PDB file of N, CA and C in Angstrom:
ATOM      1  N   MET A   1      34.171   7.363 -13.948  1.00  0.00           N
ATOM      2  CA  MET A   1      33.286   7.923 -12.933  1.00  0.00           C
ATOM      3  C   MET A   1      32.000   8.449 -13.577  1.00  0.00           C
ATOM      4  N   TYR A   2      32.171   9.100 -14.730  1.00  0.00           N
ATOM      5  CA  TYR A   2      31.019   9.666 -15.429  1.00  0.00           C
ATOM      6  C   TYR A   2      30.054   8.572 -15.873  1.00  0.00           C
ATOM      7  N   THR A   3      30.577   7.465 -16.384  1.00  0.00           N
ATOM      8  CA  THR A   3      29.737   6.361 -16.844  1.00  0.00           C
ATOM      9  C   THR A   3      28.977   5.734 -15.681  1.00  0.00           C
ATOM     10  N   LEU A   4      29.626   5.606 -14.548  1.00  0.00           N
ATOM     11  CA  LEU A   4      28.972   5.066 -13.353  1.00  0.00           C
ATOM     12  C   LEU A   4      27.828   5.966 -12.896  1.00  0.00           C
ATOM     13  N   LEU A   5      28.067   7.272 -12.904  1.00  0.00           N
ATOM     14  CA  LEU A   5      27.023   8.213 -12.485  1.00  0.00           C
ATOM     15  C   LEU A   5      25.839   8.204 -13.447  1.00  0.00           C
ATOM     16  N   ILE A   6      26.115   8.121 -14.745  1.00  0.00           N
ATOM     17  CA  ILE A   6      25.027   8.075 -15.727  1.00  0.00           C
ATOM     18  C   ILE A   6      24.213   6.798 -15.563  1.00  0.00           C
ATOM     19  N   THR A   7      24.896   5.682 -15.332  1.00  0.00           N
ATOM     20  CA  THR A   7      24.200   4.408 -15.131  1.00  0.00           C
ATOM     21  C   THR A   7      23.322   4.459 -13.884  1.00  0.00           C
ATOM     22  N   LEU A   8      23.858   4.978 -12.798  1.00  0.00           N
ATOM     23  CA  LEU A   8      23.070   5.116 -11.566  1.00  0.00           C
ATOM     24  C   LEU A   8      21.891   6.069 -11.759  1.00  0.00           C
ATOM     25  N   LEU A   9      22.104   7.141 -12.516  1.00  0.00           N
ATOM     26  CA  LEU A   9      21.029   8.092 -12.769  1.00  0.00           C
ATOM     27  C   LEU A   9      19.895   7.454 -13.563  1.00  0.00           C
ATOM     28  N   ILE A  10      20.230   6.630 -14.537  1.00  0.00           N
ATOM     29  CA  ILE A  10      19.199   5.944 -15.323  1.00  0.00           C
ATOM     30  C   ILE A  10      18.422   4.957 -14.457  1.00  0.00           C
ATOM     31  N   ILE A  11      19.136   4.207 -13.617  1.00  0.00           N
ATOM     32  CA  ILE A  11      18.478   3.235 -12.734  1.00  0.00           C
ATOM     33  C   ILE A  11      17.553   3.936 -11.744  1.00  0.00           C
ATOM     34  N   VAL A  12      18.033   5.020 -11.146  1.00  0.00           N
ATOM     35  CA  VAL A  12      17.217   5.766 -10.183  1.00  0.00           C
ATOM     36  C   VAL A  12      16.013   6.401 -10.880  1.00  0.00           C
ATOM     37  N   SER A  13      16.200   6.893 -12.096  1.00  0.00           N
ATOM     38  CA  SER A  13      15.094   7.505 -12.838  1.00  0.00           C
ATOM     39  C   SER A  13      13.990   6.496 -13.131  1.00  0.00           C
ATOM     40  N   VAL A  14      14.365   5.317 -13.599  1.00  0.00           N
ATOM     41  CA  VAL A  14      13.373   4.284 -13.895  1.00  0.00           C
ATOM     42  C   VAL A  14      12.677   3.835 -12.607  1.00  0.00           C
ATOM     43  N   ALA A  15      13.437   3.674 -11.534  1.00  0.00           N
ATOM     44  CA  ALA A  15      12.849   3.266 -10.255  1.00  0.00           C
ATOM     45  C   ALA A  15      11.886   4.329  -9.735  1.00  0.00           C
ATOM     46  N   LEU A  16      12.231   5.590  -9.900  1.00  0.00           N
ATOM     47  CA  LEU A  16      11.357   6.675  -9.454  1.00  0.00           C
ATOM     48  C   LEU A  16      10.056   6.695 -10.244  1.00  0.00           C
ATOM     49  N   ILE A  17      10.138   6.476 -11.535  1.00  0.00           N
ATOM     50  CA  ILE A  17       8.926   6.424 -12.360  1.00  0.00           C
ATOM     51  C   ILE A  17       8.034   5.267 -11.925  1.00  0.00           C
ATOM     52  N   VAL A  18       8.623   4.107 -11.690  1.00  0.00           N
ATOM     53  CA  VAL A  18       7.848   2.931 -11.291  1.00  0.00           C
ATOM     54  C   VAL A  18       7.180   3.151  -9.941  1.00  0.00           C
ATOM     55  N   VAL A  19       7.917   3.705  -8.983  1.00  0.00           N
ATOM     56  CA  VAL A  19       7.362   3.914  -7.642  1.00  0.00           C
ATOM     57  C   VAL A  19       6.224   4.931  -7.675  1.00  0.00           C
ATOM     58  N   VAL A  20       6.376   5.985  -8.468  1.00  0.00           N
ATOM     59  CA  VAL A  20       5.306   6.981  -8.564  1.00  0.00           C
ATOM     60  C   VAL A  20       4.058   6.379  -9.211  1.00  0.00           C
ATOM     61  N   LEU A  21       4.250   5.547 -10.215  1.00  0.00           N
ATOM     62  CA  LEU A  21       3.096   4.923 -10.865  1.00  0.00           C
ATOM     63  C   LEU A  21       2.410   3.889  -9.974  1.00  0.00           C
ATOM     64  N   LEU A  22       3.127   3.302  -9.030  1.00  0.00           N
ATOM     65  CA  LEU A  22       2.537   2.322  -8.127  1.00  0.00           C
ATOM     66  C   LEU A  22       1.686   2.959  -7.033  1.00  0.00           C
ATOM     67  N   GLN A  23       1.891   4.237  -6.769  1.00  0.00           N
ATOM     68  CA  GLN A  23       1.146   4.894  -5.702  1.00  0.00           C
ATOM     69  C   GLN A  23      -0.300   5.096  -6.105  1.00  0.00           C
ATOM     70  N   SER A  24      -1.177   5.013  -5.105  1.00  0.00           N
ATOM     71  CA  SER A  24      -2.593   5.250  -5.374  1.00  0.00           C
ATOM     72  C   SER A  24      -2.853   6.746  -5.435  1.00  0.00           C
ATOM     73  N   GLY A  25      -3.898   7.121  -6.176  1.00  0.00           N
ATOM     74  CA  GLY A  25      -4.249   8.522  -6.322  1.00  0.00           C
ATOM     75  C   GLY A  25      -4.841   9.092  -5.051  1.00  0.00           C
ATOM     76  N   LYS A  26      -4.811  10.396  -4.929  1.00  0.00           N
ATOM     77  CA  LYS A  26      -5.374  11.047  -3.742  1.00  0.00           C
ATOM     78  C   LYS A  26      -6.897  11.054  -3.765  1.00  0.00           C
ATOM     79  N   SER A  27      -7.481  11.108  -4.944  1.00  0.00           N
ATOM     80  CA  SER A  27      -8.934  11.095  -5.032  1.00  0.00           C
ATOM     81  C   SER A  27      -9.343  10.295  -6.263  1.00  0.00           C
ATOM     82  N   ALA A  28     -10.548   9.765  -6.212  1.00  0.00           N
ATOM     83  CA  ALA A  28     -11.037   8.937  -7.313  1.00  0.00           C
ATOM     84  C   ALA A  28     -12.174   9.653  -8.021  1.00  0.00           C
ATOM     85  N   GLY A  29     -11.831  10.538  -8.934  1.00  0.00           N
ATOM     86  CA  GLY A  29     -12.851  11.224  -9.717  1.00  0.00           C
ATOM     87  C   GLY A  29     -13.644  12.237  -8.917  1.00  0.00           C
ATOM     88  N   LEU A  30     -14.887  12.437  -9.312  1.00  0.00           N
ATOM     89  CA  LEU A  30     -15.738  13.441  -8.689  1.00  0.00           C
ATOM     90  C   LEU A  30     -16.107  13.066  -7.254  1.00  0.00           C
ATOM     91  N   SER A  31     -16.332  11.779  -7.000  1.00  0.00           N
ATOM     92  CA  SER A  31     -16.683  11.365  -5.644  1.00  0.00           C
ATOM     93  C   SER A  31     -15.525  11.589  -4.682  1.00  0.00           C
ATOM     94  N   GLY A  32     -14.308  11.406  -5.158  1.00  0.00           N
ATOM     95  CA  GLY A  32     -13.148  11.666  -4.316  1.00  0.00           C
ATOM     96  C   GLY A  32     -12.949  13.146  -4.069  1.00  0.00           C
ATOM     97  N   ALA A  33     -13.314  13.975  -5.042  1.00  0.00           N
ATOM     98  CA  ALA A  33     -13.200  15.422  -4.865  1.00  0.00           C
ATOM     99  C   ALA A  33     -14.189  15.919  -3.825  1.00  0.00           C
ATOM    100  N   ILE A  34     -15.365  15.319  -3.790  1.00  0.00           N
ATOM    101  CA  ILE A  34     -16.392  15.739  -2.831  1.00  0.00           C
ATOM    102  C   ILE A  34     -16.048  15.247  -1.429  1.00  0.00           C
ATOM    103  N   SER A  35     -15.658  13.984  -1.316  1.00  0.00           N
ATOM    104  CA  SER A  35     -15.386  13.433   0.016  1.00  0.00           C
ATOM    105  C   SER A  35     -13.958  13.696   0.482  1.00  0.00           C
ATOM    106  N   GLY A  36     -13.100  14.176  -0.407  1.00  0.00           N
ATOM    107  CA  GLY A  36     -11.713  14.417  -0.030  1.00  0.00           C
ATOM    108  C   GLY A  36     -11.560  15.464   1.053  1.00  0.00           C
ATOM    109  N   GLY A  37     -12.361  16.521   0.975  1.00  0.00           N
ATOM    110  CA  GLY A  37     -12.316  17.554   2.004  1.00  0.00           C
ATOM    111  C   GLY A  37     -12.794  17.045   3.344  1.00  0.00           C
ATOM    112  N   ALA A  38     -13.803  16.191   3.334  1.00  0.00           N
ATOM    113  CA  ALA A  38     -14.326  15.640   4.582  1.00  0.00           C
ATOM    114  C   ALA A  38     -13.307  14.714   5.233  1.00  0.00           C
ATOM    115  N   GLU A  39     -12.560  13.963   4.411  1.00  0.00           N
ATOM    116  CA  GLU A  39     -11.553  13.072   4.979  1.00  0.00           C
ATOM    117  C   GLU A  39     -10.449  13.861   5.661  1.00  0.00           C
ATOM    118  N   GLN A  40     -10.061  14.987   5.069  1.00  0.00           N
ATOM    119  CA  GLN A  40      -9.031  15.803   5.691  1.00  0.00           C
ATOM    120  C   GLN A  40      -9.565  16.500   6.932  1.00  0.00           C
ATOM    121  N   LEU A  41     -10.837  16.884   6.906  1.00  0.00           N
ATOM    122  CA  LEU A  41     -11.448  17.578   8.038  1.00  0.00           C
ATOM    123  C   LEU A  41     -11.542  16.660   9.249  1.00  0.00           C
ATOM    124  N   PHE A  42     -11.936  15.415   9.044  1.00  0.00           N
ATOM    125  CA  PHE A  42     -12.125  14.494  10.154  1.00  0.00           C
ATOM    126  C   PHE A  42     -10.887  13.669  10.460  1.00  0.00           C
ATOM    127  N   GLY A  43      -9.798  13.907   9.761  1.00  0.00           N
ATOM    128  CA  GLY A  43      -8.526  13.299  10.108  1.00  0.00           C
ATOM    129  C   GLY A  43      -8.327  11.874   9.648  1.00  0.00           C
ATOM    130  N   LYS A  44      -8.940  11.462   8.577  1.00  0.00           N
ATOM    131  CA  LYS A  44      -8.707  10.117   8.067  1.00  0.00           C
ATOM    132  C   LYS A  44      -7.332  10.075   7.413  1.00  0.00           C
ATOM    133  N   GLN A  45      -6.514   9.150   7.856  1.00  0.00           N
ATOM    134  CA  GLN A  45      -5.162   9.040   7.316  1.00  0.00           C
ATOM    135  C   GLN A  45      -5.145   7.944   6.259  1.00  0.00           C
ATOM    136  N   LYS A  46      -4.927   8.345   5.015  1.00  0.00           N
ATOM    137  CA  LYS A  46      -4.983   7.386   3.920  1.00  0.00           C
ATOM    138  C   LYS A  46      -3.660   6.657   3.738  1.00  0.00           C
ATOM    139  N   ALA A  47      -2.551   7.311   4.065  1.00  0.00           N
ATOM    140  CA  ALA A  47      -1.241   6.722   3.824  1.00  0.00           C
ATOM    141  C   ALA A  47      -0.923   5.695   4.904  1.00  0.00           C
ATOM    142  N   ARG A  48      -1.267   4.441   4.646  1.00  0.00           N
ATOM    143  CA  ARG A  48      -0.976   3.365   5.586  1.00  0.00           C
ATOM    144  C   ARG A  48      -0.332   2.229   4.825  1.00  0.00           C
ATOM    145  N   GLY A  49       0.477   1.471   5.516  1.00  0.00           N
ATOM    146  CA  GLY A  49       1.051   0.267   4.940  1.00  0.00           C
ATOM    147  C   GLY A  49       1.901   0.533   3.720  1.00  0.00           C
ATOM    148  N   LEU A  50       1.483  -0.013   2.601  1.00  0.00           N
ATOM    149  CA  LEU A  50       2.248   0.071   1.365  1.00  0.00           C
ATOM    150  C   LEU A  50       2.332   1.502   0.850  1.00  0.00           C
ATOM    151  N   ASP A  51       1.268   2.279   1.023  1.00  0.00           N
ATOM    152  CA  ASP A  51       1.302   3.679   0.578  1.00  0.00           C
ATOM    153  C   ASP A  51       2.358   4.477   1.327  1.00  0.00           C
ATOM    154  N   LEU A  52       2.499   4.219   2.616  1.00  0.00           N
ATOM    155  CA  LEU A  52       3.505   4.918   3.409  1.00  0.00           C
ATOM    156  C   LEU A  52       4.909   4.525   2.971  1.00  0.00           C
ATOM    157  N   ILE A  53       5.127   3.248   2.721  1.00  0.00           N
ATOM    158  CA  ILE A  53       6.439   2.784   2.264  1.00  0.00           C
ATOM    159  C   ILE A  53       6.767   3.389   0.900  1.00  0.00           C
ATOM    160  N   LEU A  54       5.793   3.379  -0.011  1.00  0.00           N
ATOM    161  CA  LEU A  54       6.021   3.955  -1.338  1.00  0.00           C
ATOM    162  C   LEU A  54       6.298   5.452  -1.258  1.00  0.00           C
ATOM    163  N   HIS A  55       5.640   6.133  -0.339  1.00  0.00           N
ATOM    164  CA  HIS A  55       5.874   7.566  -0.151  1.00  0.00           C
ATOM    165  C   HIS A  55       7.311   7.821   0.296  1.00  0.00           C
ATOM    166  N   ARG A  56       7.785   7.041   1.249  1.00  0.00           N
ATOM    167  CA  ARG A  56       9.156   7.215   1.747  1.00  0.00           C
ATOM    168  C   ARG A  56      10.193   6.854   0.694  1.00  0.00           C
ATOM    169  N   VAL A  57       9.931   5.788  -0.069  1.00  0.00           N
ATOM    170  CA  VAL A  57      10.847   5.392  -1.138  1.00  0.00           C
ATOM    171  C   VAL A  57      10.896   6.480  -2.215  1.00  0.00           C
ATOM    172  N   THR A  58       9.766   7.111  -2.491  1.00  0.00           N
ATOM    173  CA  THR A  58       9.722   8.198  -3.464  1.00  0.00           C
ATOM    174  C   THR A  58      10.586   9.365  -3.016  1.00  0.00           C
ATOM    175  N   ILE A  59      10.529   9.692  -1.749  1.00  0.00           N
ATOM    176  CA  ILE A  59      11.342  10.786  -1.222  1.00  0.00           C
ATOM    177  C   ILE A  59      12.825  10.462  -1.354  1.00  0.00           C
ATOM    178  N   VAL A  60      13.212   9.256  -0.978  1.00  0.00           N
ATOM    179  CA  VAL A  60      14.619   8.853  -1.056  1.00  0.00           C
ATOM    180  C   VAL A  60      15.102   8.861  -2.509  1.00  0.00           C
ATOM    181  N   LEU A  61      14.302   8.302  -3.405  1.00  0.00           N
ATOM    182  CA  LEU A  61      14.694   8.254  -4.812  1.00  0.00           C
ATOM    183  C   LEU A  61      14.762   9.654  -5.430  1.00  0.00           C
ATOM    184  N   SER A  62      13.880  10.540  -5.028  1.00  0.00           N
ATOM    185  CA  SER A  62      13.928  11.892  -5.586  1.00  0.00           C
ATOM    186  C   SER A  62      15.163  12.651  -5.113  1.00  0.00           C
ATOM    187  N   VAL A  63      15.541  12.465  -3.860  1.00  0.00           N
ATOM    188  CA  VAL A  63      16.766  13.104  -3.362  1.00  0.00           C
ATOM    189  C   VAL A  63      17.977  12.527  -4.088  1.00  0.00           C
ATOM    190  N   LEU A  64      18.014  11.210  -4.268  1.00  0.00           N
ATOM    191  CA  LEU A  64      19.097  10.584  -5.027  1.00  0.00           C
ATOM    192  C   LEU A  64      19.148  11.099  -6.459  1.00  0.00           C
ATOM    193  N   PHE A  65      17.977  11.264  -7.069  1.00  0.00           N
ATOM    194  CA  PHE A  65      17.914  11.765  -8.440  1.00  0.00           C
ATOM    195  C   PHE A  65      18.554  13.145  -8.551  1.00  0.00           C
ATOM    196  N   PHE A  66      18.213  14.046  -7.637  1.00  0.00           N
ATOM    197  CA  PHE A  66      18.764  15.393  -7.694  1.00  0.00           C
ATOM    198  C   PHE A  66      20.256  15.410  -7.397  1.00  0.00           C
ATOM    199  N   VAL A  67      20.699  14.611  -6.453  1.00  0.00           N
ATOM    200  CA  VAL A  67      22.131  14.552  -6.136  1.00  0.00           C
ATOM    201  C   VAL A  67      22.918  14.006  -7.325  1.00  0.00           C
ATOM    202  N   LEU A  68      22.420  12.938  -7.932  1.00  0.00           N
ATOM    203  CA  LEU A  68      23.102  12.365  -9.092  1.00  0.00           C
ATOM    204  C   LEU A  68      23.091  13.318 -10.280  1.00  0.00           C
ATOM    205  N   THR A  69      21.999  14.043 -10.467  1.00  0.00           N
ATOM    206  CA  THR A  69      21.932  15.001 -11.563  1.00  0.00           C
ATOM    207  C   THR A  69      22.952  16.115 -11.382  1.00  0.00           C
ATOM    208  N   ILE A  70      23.077  16.614 -10.173  1.00  0.00           N
ATOM    209  CA  ILE A  70      24.075  17.643  -9.901  1.00  0.00           C
ATOM    210  C   ILE A  70      25.480  17.102 -10.065  1.00  0.00           C
ATOM    211  N   ALA A  71      25.714  15.857  -9.637  1.00  0.00           N
ATOM    212  CA  ALA A  71      27.037  15.248  -9.788  1.00  0.00           C
ATOM    213  C   ALA A  71      27.394  15.038 -11.257  1.00  0.00           C
ATOM    214  N   VAL A  72      26.439  14.602 -12.062  1.00  0.00           N
ATOM    215  CA  VAL A  72      26.684  14.435 -13.495  1.00  0.00           C
ATOM    216  C   VAL A  72      26.990  15.776 -14.149  1.00  0.00           C
ATOM    217  N   ALA A  73      26.250  16.801 -13.776  1.00  0.00           N
ATOM    218  CA  ALA A  73      26.482  18.135 -14.328  1.00  0.00           C
ATOM    219  C   ALA A  73      27.856  18.658 -13.926  1.00  0.00           C
ATOM    220  N   TYR A  74      28.319  18.311 -12.744  1.00  0.00           N
ATOM    221  CA  TYR A  74      29.621  18.752 -12.279  1.00  0.00           C
ATOM    222  C   TYR A  74      30.761  18.072 -13.046  1.00  0.00           C
ATOM    223  N   PHE A  75      30.581  16.787 -13.376  1.00  0.00           N
ATOM    224  CA  PHE A  75      31.644  16.036 -14.042  1.00  0.00           C
ATOM    225  C   PHE A  75      31.638  16.161 -15.560  1.00  0.00           C
ATOM    226  N   VAL A  76      30.662  16.830 -16.137  1.00  0.00           N
ATOM    227  CA  VAL A  76      30.633  17.028 -17.589  1.00  0.00           C
ATOM    228  C   VAL A  76      31.712  18.032 -17.968  1.00  0.00           C
ATOM    229  N   LYS A  77      32.511  17.664 -18.961  1.00  0.00           N
ATOM    230  CA  LYS A  77      33.586  18.589 -19.375  1.00  0.00           C
ATOM    231  C   LYS A  77      33.505  18.865 -20.832  1.00  0.00           C
TER     232      LYS A  77
END
């Protein structure tokens, strides 16, 4: 059971790193810092399509990561 949990934890960890690196940044340098406030003020929604899917996958993978980490810690003897 312990080996299975460690294997799943490694797979989820690598997948979480990849998904986070695939996401686009919130702002692009100084120009993004200046216009970023205006986009939030006027309600421009940046998370569309692939960004929205990656955001949801990140949430699922992070919850799995924490659950698996707690399970591994519980089974360590």
